[in-house]
Structures are given as structure tokens and as C-alpha cells.
Amino acid sequence: MLRMVIACGLLALTSVAQAQTAPSAVEIATYEGLHRAAQDGNVDDIRRLAKAGAALNARDANGRTPAHVAAFASQDEALRALAEAGADMNALDDQVYDVVTIAAVADDLELMSLAIRLGNEPGLTTSPWRGTALIAAAHLGHVEVVRRLIAAGAPLDHVNNLGWTALMESVILGNGGRNHQQVVRLLVEAGADRSITDRDGVTPLVHARARGYSEIARLLEKRR
């Protein structure tokens, strides 16, 4: 059974980046209006177009709003200008991603924190796996992203449609190294529920032991 879980985990790990579809070069070449201004980080054009009544939450062929485009392009000031003009900071694209999760996966700390300050909820259910930004960051081992999401109030024990929490993913999809150890420590210290099992009734601790992740197992065994 553990072999099956590992196989599913590896599939999810290789698929997470693919599920997020950044604008292609062909798409970018066709962008106009706010999508073009967001891609280029042209704050003056964003303000001018917004004042003229441009649709702030218009969608491209993959359901991306200008805010999504700004996130993929790491255009912080463009994102700020869009939010100040009234753009929806909690919009989801066709792959069910918001700005915070896009930034979390990219390990784009400053844009992610900015998005939260601009009103993007840090605990939205996102992705085809019905997860959260915290789950994505935990399994990728993005330590500072995890730290900031916890501080922002992201839900610690959300269970995605694979049956995994952020803590579970940091073990099953992690490599047991320093970054994933720190992620586990942050989650445990924040109060993540270590007793939540996967669909087969296996705890994160049992998974850690099975993989030989001794330091993670120690963290999971530690009394509060």
C-alpha cells in the first residue's frame, strides 16, 4: 500500500507545475489592454485603462485575469495597481489557481505577501487537487513561503482530494532534506494535526519512518 501512495505522490509532484499554465509566448504576443500592461508591468497603462473603464477581471483563453498574468510575470507593482483599481484578488483561473498559490509555487515571496496584503485570501481552495497554497508550498519545501502563509492564517489541516494535508504532503512528496524538515517543524509548531491520516489510515509519522526520514520522524514524535 505504501508503494501505491509513493507512486501517487510522485505523479502529483511532477504534475503540480504542469497544472499551473503560465502564459505562453504565443499568448503573450496577442495580449492587449490590461493583460498586456500586466505582463509588461506598465503601471501607467493599468491606471489609464482602469480609469477609462476597462474590464479589470477580463479573462484570456485560459481564464487568467490581468492579476494572474501579473503574478506569473512577477510584476508586483502591476498587481498593486490592479488591486487599487478594484480588480478581484481572489479570482481563480481555469486551472483553479489564485495569485497567492501561483506565487507560492514559484517561491515568489514578495509578490505572495503583497497579494495577501491586497486582499487575496491565503486559504482559498485551489488547484485541480482541491488543495491550498500552503499544501503546495509544503510539498515543494518552500520554507519561507510556508512560514508566511502560517503567519497569514492559512488553514493548517485542510485535506485535499488526494486525502492529504500540508503536513502529509511535506512527508510523502518531500525528500526528507533540510527544507522539508523545516517545513514539518513550522507546521508542527503552528499546531498542525499530526494525527490526520491518509485514506489508508497511515499517519505522517508512519510515512516518515517508512522513508527513513529520521529527523522528520523525530519532529513528529516530539511532544507539544
C-alpha atoms as a PDB file:
ATOM      1  CA  MET A   1       0.000   0.000   0.000  1.00  0.00           C
ATOM      2  CA  LEU A   2       2.828   2.414   0.808  1.00  0.00           C
ATOM      3  CA  ARG A   3       4.282   1.784  -2.656  1.00  0.00           C
ATOM      4  CA  MET A   4       0.981   2.843  -4.187  1.00  0.00           C
ATOM      5  CA  VAL A   5       0.949   6.018  -2.075  1.00  0.00           C
ATOM      6  CA  ILE A   6       4.519   6.810  -3.124  1.00  0.00           C
ATOM      7  CA  ALA A   7       3.625   6.326  -6.793  1.00  0.00           C
ATOM      8  CA  CYS A   8       0.621   8.635  -6.454  1.00  0.00           C
ATOM      9  CA  GLY A   9       2.820  11.144  -4.669  1.00  0.00           C
ATOM     10  CA  LEU A  10       5.418  11.172  -7.418  1.00  0.00           C
ATOM     11  CA  LEU A  11       2.692  11.661 -10.010  1.00  0.00           C
ATOM     12  CA  ALA A  12       1.304  14.621  -8.068  1.00  0.00           C
ATOM     13  CA  LEU A  13       4.788  16.074  -7.650  1.00  0.00           C
ATOM     14  CA  THR A  14       5.509  16.000 -11.370  1.00  0.00           C
ATOM     15  CA  SER A  15       2.054  17.353 -12.186  1.00  0.00           C
ATOM     16  CA  VAL A  16       1.845  20.355  -9.861  1.00  0.00           C
ATOM     17  CA  ALA A  17       3.905  22.696 -12.007  1.00  0.00           C
ATOM     18  CA  GLN A  18       2.190  21.427 -15.147  1.00  0.00           C
ATOM     19  CA  ALA A  19      -1.234  22.192 -13.672  1.00  0.00           C
ATOM     20  CA  GLN A  20      -0.288  25.851 -13.465  1.00  0.00           C
ATOM     21  CA  THR A  21      -0.269  27.150 -17.000  1.00  0.00           C
ATOM     22  CA  ALA A  22       1.725  30.335 -17.370  1.00  0.00           C
ATOM     23  CA  PRO A  23       1.010  32.426 -20.465  1.00  0.00           C
ATOM     24  CA  SER A  24       2.895  31.070 -23.449  1.00  0.00           C
ATOM     25  CA  ALA A  25       4.977  33.244 -25.757  1.00  0.00           C
ATOM     26  CA  VAL A  26       2.204  32.995 -28.358  1.00  0.00           C
ATOM     27  CA  GLU A  27      -0.416  34.137 -25.853  1.00  0.00           C
ATOM     28  CA  ILE A  28       1.760  36.977 -24.601  1.00  0.00           C
ATOM     29  CA  ALA A  29       2.256  38.183 -28.171  1.00  0.00           C
ATOM     30  CA  THR A  30      -1.512  38.535 -28.563  1.00  0.00           C
ATOM     31  CA  TYR A  31      -2.169  40.319 -25.283  1.00  0.00           C
ATOM     32  CA  GLU A  32      -3.757  43.734 -25.415  1.00  0.00           C
ATOM     33  CA  GLY A  33      -5.104  46.206 -22.901  1.00  0.00           C
ATOM     34  CA  LEU A  34      -4.809  45.265 -19.237  1.00  0.00           C
ATOM     35  CA  HIS A  35      -3.366  41.828 -19.943  1.00  0.00           C
ATOM     36  CA  ARG A  36      -0.546  43.438 -21.920  1.00  0.00           C
ATOM     37  CA  ALA A  37       0.015  46.111 -19.266  1.00  0.00           C
ATOM     38  CA  ALA A  38       0.080  43.472 -16.515  1.00  0.00           C
ATOM     39  CA  GLN A  39       2.545  41.310 -18.420  1.00  0.00           C
ATOM     40  CA  ASP A  40       4.828  44.290 -19.023  1.00  0.00           C
ATOM     41  CA  GLY A  41       4.413  45.808 -15.568  1.00  0.00           C
ATOM     42  CA  ASN A  42       3.148  49.039 -17.112  1.00  0.00           C
ATOM     43  CA  VAL A  43       1.501  50.725 -14.134  1.00  0.00           C
ATOM     44  CA  ASP A  44       0.653  53.919 -16.027  1.00  0.00           C
ATOM     45  CA  ASP A  45      -1.259  51.958 -18.654  1.00  0.00           C
ATOM     46  CA  ILE A  46      -3.089  49.976 -15.968  1.00  0.00           C
ATOM     47  CA  ARG A  47      -4.246  53.158 -14.291  1.00  0.00           C
ATOM     48  CA  ARG A  48      -5.184  54.784 -17.587  1.00  0.00           C
ATOM     49  CA  LEU A  49      -7.129  51.769 -18.819  1.00  0.00           C
ATOM     50  CA  ALA A  50      -8.875  51.265 -15.478  1.00  0.00           C
ATOM     51  CA  LYS A  51      -9.929  54.911 -15.414  1.00  0.00           C
ATOM     52  CA  ALA A  52     -11.315  54.510 -18.937  1.00  0.00           C
ATOM     53  CA  GLY A  53     -13.473  51.604 -17.776  1.00  0.00           C
ATOM     54  CA  ALA A  54     -11.517  48.593 -18.967  1.00  0.00           C
ATOM     55  CA  ALA A  55     -12.733  45.263 -17.570  1.00  0.00           C
ATOM     56  CA  LEU A  56     -10.416  44.650 -14.630  1.00  0.00           C
ATOM     57  CA  ASN A  57     -11.254  40.938 -14.423  1.00  0.00           C
ATOM     58  CA  ALA A  58     -11.331  40.129 -18.121  1.00  0.00           C
ATOM     59  CA  ARG A  59     -10.209  36.581 -18.949  1.00  0.00           C
ATOM     60  CA  ASP A  60      -7.791  35.272 -21.538  1.00  0.00           C
ATOM     61  CA  ALA A  61      -8.232  31.908 -23.261  1.00  0.00           C
ATOM     62  CA  ASN A  62      -7.126  30.064 -20.096  1.00  0.00           C
ATOM     63  CA  GLY A  63      -9.238  32.081 -17.710  1.00  0.00           C
ATOM     64  CA  ARG A  64      -6.391  34.267 -16.499  1.00  0.00           C
ATOM     65  CA  THR A  65      -7.253  37.753 -15.335  1.00  0.00           C
ATOM     66  CA  PRO A  66      -4.698  40.555 -15.587  1.00  0.00           C
ATOM     67  CA  ALA A  67      -3.900  39.841 -11.916  1.00  0.00           C
ATOM     68  CA  HIS A  68      -2.983  36.243 -12.780  1.00  0.00           C
ATOM     69  CA  VAL A  69      -0.801  37.492 -15.618  1.00  0.00           C
ATOM     70  CA  ALA A  70       0.947  39.930 -13.285  1.00  0.00           C
ATOM     71  CA  ALA A  71       1.569  37.063 -10.847  1.00  0.00           C
ATOM     72  CA  PHE A  72       3.068  34.763 -13.479  1.00  0.00           C
ATOM     73  CA  ALA A  73       5.248  37.645 -14.688  1.00  0.00           C
ATOM     74  CA  SER A  74       6.220  38.590 -11.099  1.00  0.00           C
ATOM     75  CA  GLN A  75       5.079  42.162 -11.674  1.00  0.00           C
ATOM     76  CA  ASP A  76       4.482  43.391  -8.128  1.00  0.00           C
ATOM     77  CA  GLU A  77       3.617  46.996  -8.934  1.00  0.00           C
ATOM     78  CA  ALA A  78       1.262  45.938 -11.700  1.00  0.00           C
ATOM     79  CA  LEU A  79      -0.549  43.716  -9.224  1.00  0.00           C
ATOM     80  CA  ARG A  80      -0.762  46.599  -6.757  1.00  0.00           C
ATOM     81  CA  ALA A  81      -2.166  48.928  -9.428  1.00  0.00           C
ATOM     82  CA  LEU A  82      -4.779  46.356 -10.448  1.00  0.00           C
ATOM     83  CA  ALA A  83      -5.882  45.846  -6.851  1.00  0.00           C
ATOM     84  CA  GLU A  84      -6.073  49.571  -6.210  1.00  0.00           C
ATOM     85  CA  ALA A  85      -8.266  49.901  -9.291  1.00  0.00           C
ATOM     86  CA  GLY A  86     -10.643  47.253  -7.920  1.00  0.00           C
ATOM     87  CA  ALA A  87      -9.534  44.001  -9.539  1.00  0.00           C
ATOM     88  CA  ASP A  88     -10.686  40.768  -7.866  1.00  0.00           C
ATOM     89  CA  MET A  89      -7.720  39.461  -5.897  1.00  0.00           C
ATOM     90  CA  ASN A  90      -9.447  36.123  -5.253  1.00  0.00           C
ATOM     91  CA  ALA A  91     -10.183  35.212  -8.861  1.00  0.00           C
ATOM     92  CA  LEU A  92      -9.366  31.659  -9.964  1.00  0.00           C
ATOM     93  CA  ASP A  93      -8.131  30.792 -13.437  1.00  0.00           C
ATOM     94  CA  ASP A  94      -9.243  27.755 -15.439  1.00  0.00           C
ATOM     95  CA  GLN A  95      -6.745  25.556 -13.558  1.00  0.00           C
ATOM     96  CA  VAL A  96      -8.294  26.827 -10.287  1.00  0.00           C
ATOM     97  CA  TYR A  97      -5.303  28.900  -9.198  1.00  0.00           C
ATOM     98  CA  ASP A  98      -5.257  32.274  -7.497  1.00  0.00           C
ATOM     99  CA  VAL A  99      -2.412  34.775  -7.302  1.00  0.00           C
ATOM    100  CA  VAL A 100      -1.245  33.565  -3.875  1.00  0.00           C
ATOM    101  CA  THR A 101      -0.927  29.946  -4.976  1.00  0.00           C
ATOM    102  CA  ILE A 102       0.816  30.932  -8.218  1.00  0.00           C
ATOM    103  CA  ALA A 103       3.336  32.923  -6.191  1.00  0.00           C
ATOM    104  CA  ALA A 104       3.686  30.194  -3.542  1.00  0.00           C
ATOM    105  CA  VAL A 105       4.564  27.562  -6.135  1.00  0.00           C
ATOM    106  CA  ALA A 106       7.046  29.961  -7.763  1.00  0.00           C
ATOM    107  CA  ASP A 107       8.601  30.716  -4.346  1.00  0.00           C
ATOM    108  CA  ASP A 108       7.880  34.385  -5.092  1.00  0.00           C
ATOM    109  CA  LEU A 109       7.821  35.632  -1.515  1.00  0.00           C
ATOM    110  CA  GLU A 110       7.321  39.326  -2.044  1.00  0.00           C
ATOM    111  CA  LEU A 111       4.542  39.019  -4.598  1.00  0.00           C
ATOM    112  CA  MET A 112       2.748  36.449  -2.463  1.00  0.00           C
ATOM    113  CA  SER A 113       2.901  38.637   0.635  1.00  0.00           C
ATOM    114  CA  LEU A 114       1.796  41.637  -1.404  1.00  0.00           C
ATOM    115  CA  ALA A 115      -1.174  39.707  -2.786  1.00  0.00           C
ATOM    116  CA  ILE A 116      -2.269  38.816   0.750  1.00  0.00           C
ATOM    117  CA  ARG A 117      -1.986  42.450   1.842  1.00  0.00           C
ATOM    118  CA  LEU A 118      -4.052  43.433  -1.200  1.00  0.00           C
ATOM    119  CA  GLY A 119      -6.883  41.118  -0.186  1.00  0.00           C
ATOM    120  CA  ASN A 120      -6.075  37.704  -1.639  1.00  0.00           C
ATOM    121  CA  GLU A 121      -7.244  35.204   0.980  1.00  0.00           C
ATOM    122  CA  PRO A 122      -4.329  32.921   1.925  1.00  0.00           C
ATOM    123  CA  GLY A 123      -6.523  29.875   2.469  1.00  0.00           C
ATOM    124  CA  LEU A 124      -8.542  29.586  -0.733  1.00  0.00           C
ATOM    125  CA  THR A 125      -9.169  26.095  -2.059  1.00  0.00           C
ATOM    126  CA  THR A 126      -7.146  25.977  -5.257  1.00  0.00           C
ATOM    127  CA  SER A 127      -5.692  23.630  -7.878  1.00  0.00           C
ATOM    128  CA  PRO A 128      -7.194  20.539  -9.537  1.00  0.00           C
ATOM    129  CA  TRP A 129      -6.371  18.693  -6.285  1.00  0.00           C
ATOM    130  CA  ARG A 130      -8.623  20.996  -4.224  1.00  0.00           C
ATOM    131  CA  GLY A 131      -5.667  21.972  -2.070  1.00  0.00           C
ATOM    132  CA  THR A 132      -4.282  25.263  -0.790  1.00  0.00           C
ATOM    133  CA  ALA A 133      -1.215  27.413  -1.286  1.00  0.00           C
ATOM    134  CA  LEU A 134       0.125  26.025   1.998  1.00  0.00           C
ATOM    135  CA  ILE A 135      -0.159  22.439   0.808  1.00  0.00           C
ATOM    136  CA  ALA A 136       1.618  23.291  -2.440  1.00  0.00           C
ATOM    137  CA  ALA A 137       4.410  25.150  -0.652  1.00  0.00           C
ATOM    138  CA  ALA A 138       4.818  22.397   1.949  1.00  0.00           C
ATOM    139  CA  HIS A 139       5.326  19.646  -0.568  1.00  0.00           C
ATOM    140  CA  LEU A 140       7.751  21.798  -2.578  1.00  0.00           C
ATOM    141  CA  GLY A 141       9.756  22.611   0.553  1.00  0.00           C
ATOM    142  CA  HIS A 142       9.379  26.387   0.236  1.00  0.00           C
ATOM    143  CA  VAL A 143      10.222  27.178   3.848  1.00  0.00           C
ATOM    144  CA  GLU A 144       9.715  30.943   3.948  1.00  0.00           C
ATOM    145  CA  VAL A 145       6.518  30.697   1.915  1.00  0.00           C
ATOM    146  CA  VAL A 146       5.185  28.211   4.460  1.00  0.00           C
ATOM    147  CA  ARG A 147       6.246  30.493   7.312  1.00  0.00           C
ATOM    148  CA  ARG A 148       4.460  33.483   5.796  1.00  0.00           C
ATOM    149  CA  LEU A 149       1.306  31.558   4.947  1.00  0.00           C
ATOM    150  CA  ILE A 150       1.069  30.239   8.501  1.00  0.00           C
ATOM    151  CA  ALA A 151       1.523  33.779   9.835  1.00  0.00           C
ATOM    152  CA  ALA A 152      -1.214  34.979   7.483  1.00  0.00           C
ATOM    153  CA  GLY A 153      -3.665  32.440   8.901  1.00  0.00           C
ATOM    154  CA  ALA A 154      -3.695  29.818   6.164  1.00  0.00           C
ATOM    155  CA  PRO A 155      -5.599  26.697   7.292  1.00  0.00           C
ATOM    156  CA  LEU A 156      -3.167  24.133   8.678  1.00  0.00           C
ATOM    157  CA  ASP A 157      -5.274  20.999   8.332  1.00  0.00           C
ATOM    158  CA  HIS A 158      -7.075  21.373   5.012  1.00  0.00           C
ATOM    159  CA  VAL A 159      -7.352  17.965   3.329  1.00  0.00           C
ATOM    160  CA  ASN A 160      -7.108  17.912  -0.460  1.00  0.00           C
ATOM    161  CA  ASN A 161      -8.775  15.461  -2.819  1.00  0.00           C
ATOM    162  CA  LEU A 162      -5.806  13.096  -2.526  1.00  0.00           C
ATOM    163  CA  GLY A 163      -6.623  12.845   1.173  1.00  0.00           C
ATOM    164  CA  TRP A 164      -3.508  14.761   2.266  1.00  0.00           C
ATOM    165  CA  THR A 165      -2.828  17.754   4.487  1.00  0.00           C
ATOM    166  CA  ALA A 166       0.157  20.098   4.169  1.00  0.00           C
ATOM    167  CA  LEU A 167       1.947  18.037   6.821  1.00  0.00           C
ATOM    168  CA  MET A 168       1.243  14.798   4.975  1.00  0.00           C
ATOM    169  CA  GLU A 169       2.425  16.233   1.653  1.00  0.00           C
ATOM    170  CA  SER A 170       5.639  17.550   3.166  1.00  0.00           C
ATOM    171  CA  VAL A 171       6.452  13.953   4.095  1.00  0.00           C
ATOM    172  CA  ILE A 172       5.048  11.992   1.152  1.00  0.00           C
ATOM    173  CA  LEU A 173       6.171  14.445  -1.535  1.00  0.00           C
ATOM    174  CA  GLY A 174       9.246  15.770   0.241  1.00  0.00           C
ATOM    175  CA  ASN A 175      12.768  14.419   0.071  1.00  0.00           C
ATOM    176  CA  GLY A 176      13.400  14.330   3.814  1.00  0.00           C
ATOM    177  CA  GLY A 177      16.075  17.012   3.498  1.00  0.00           C
ATOM    178  CA  ARG A 178      16.652  20.211   5.418  1.00  0.00           C
ATOM    179  CA  ASN A 179      13.941  22.252   3.722  1.00  0.00           C
ATOM    180  CA  HIS A 180      11.243  19.676   4.295  1.00  0.00           C
ATOM    181  CA  GLN A 181      12.441  19.202   7.849  1.00  0.00           C
ATOM    182  CA  GLN A 182      11.991  22.916   8.447  1.00  0.00           C
ATOM    183  CA  VAL A 183       8.547  22.829   6.843  1.00  0.00           C
ATOM    184  CA  VAL A 184       7.489  19.990   9.139  1.00  0.00           C
ATOM    185  CA  ARG A 185       8.871  21.848  12.140  1.00  0.00           C
ATOM    186  CA  LEU A 186       6.958  25.015  11.223  1.00  0.00           C
ATOM    187  CA  LEU A 187       3.715  23.101  10.727  1.00  0.00           C
ATOM    188  CA  VAL A 188       4.089  21.130  13.960  1.00  0.00           C
ATOM    189  CA  GLU A 189       4.979  24.233  15.976  1.00  0.00           C
ATOM    190  CA  ALA A 190       1.972  26.042  14.499  1.00  0.00           C
ATOM    191  CA  GLY A 191      -0.307  23.243  15.709  1.00  0.00           C
ATOM    192  CA  ALA A 192      -0.906  21.139  12.602  1.00  0.00           C
ATOM    193  CA  ASP A 193      -2.751  17.963  13.492  1.00  0.00           C
ATOM    194  CA  ARG A 194      -0.251  15.102  13.296  1.00  0.00           C
ATOM    195  CA  SER A 195      -2.981  12.507  13.810  1.00  0.00           C
ATOM    196  CA  ILE A 196      -4.753  13.136  10.489  1.00  0.00           C
ATOM    197  CA  THR A 197      -4.147  10.060   8.347  1.00  0.00           C
ATOM    198  CA  ASP A 198      -4.258   9.473   4.626  1.00  0.00           C
ATOM    199  CA  ARG A 199      -7.125   7.488   3.112  1.00  0.00           C
ATOM    200  CA  ASP A 200      -5.434   4.242   4.134  1.00  0.00           C
ATOM    201  CA  GLY A 201      -5.222   5.254   7.773  1.00  0.00           C
ATOM    202  CA  VAL A 202      -1.463   5.918   7.664  1.00  0.00           C
ATOM    203  CA  THR A 203      -0.112   8.861   9.676  1.00  0.00           C
ATOM    204  CA  PRO A 204       2.645  11.251   8.595  1.00  0.00           C
ATOM    205  CA  LEU A 205       4.887   9.670  11.241  1.00  0.00           C
ATOM    206  CA  VAL A 206       4.492   6.179   9.773  1.00  0.00           C
ATOM    207  CA  HIS A 207       5.245   7.547   6.291  1.00  0.00           C
ATOM    208  CA  ALA A 208       8.339   9.336   7.601  1.00  0.00           C
ATOM    209  CA  ARG A 209       9.640   6.184   9.276  1.00  0.00           C
ATOM    210  CA  ALA A 210       8.958   4.104   6.152  1.00  0.00           C
ATOM    211  CA  ARG A 211      11.074   6.508   4.105  1.00  0.00           C
ATOM    212  CA  GLY A 212      13.906   6.649   6.603  1.00  0.00           C
ATOM    213  CA  TYR A 213      13.315  10.337   7.343  1.00  0.00           C
ATOM    214  CA  SER A 214      14.622  10.109  10.891  1.00  0.00           C
ATOM    215  CA  GLU A 215      14.727  13.848  11.645  1.00  0.00           C
ATOM    216  CA  ILE A 216      11.186  14.366  10.376  1.00  0.00           C
ATOM    217  CA  ALA A 217      10.061  11.364  12.405  1.00  0.00           C
ATOM    218  CA  ARG A 218      11.684  12.913  15.475  1.00  0.00           C
ATOM    219  CA  LEU A 219       9.817  16.170  14.875  1.00  0.00           C
ATOM    220  CA  LEU A 220       6.527  14.297  14.504  1.00  0.00           C
ATOM    221  CA  GLU A 221       7.163  12.301  17.687  1.00  0.00           C
ATOM    222  CA  LYS A 222       8.033  15.383  19.720  1.00  0.00           C
ATOM    223  CA  ARG A 223       5.587  16.216  22.488  1.00  0.00           C
ATOM    224  CA  ARG A 224       3.957  19.644  22.377  1.00  0.00           C
END
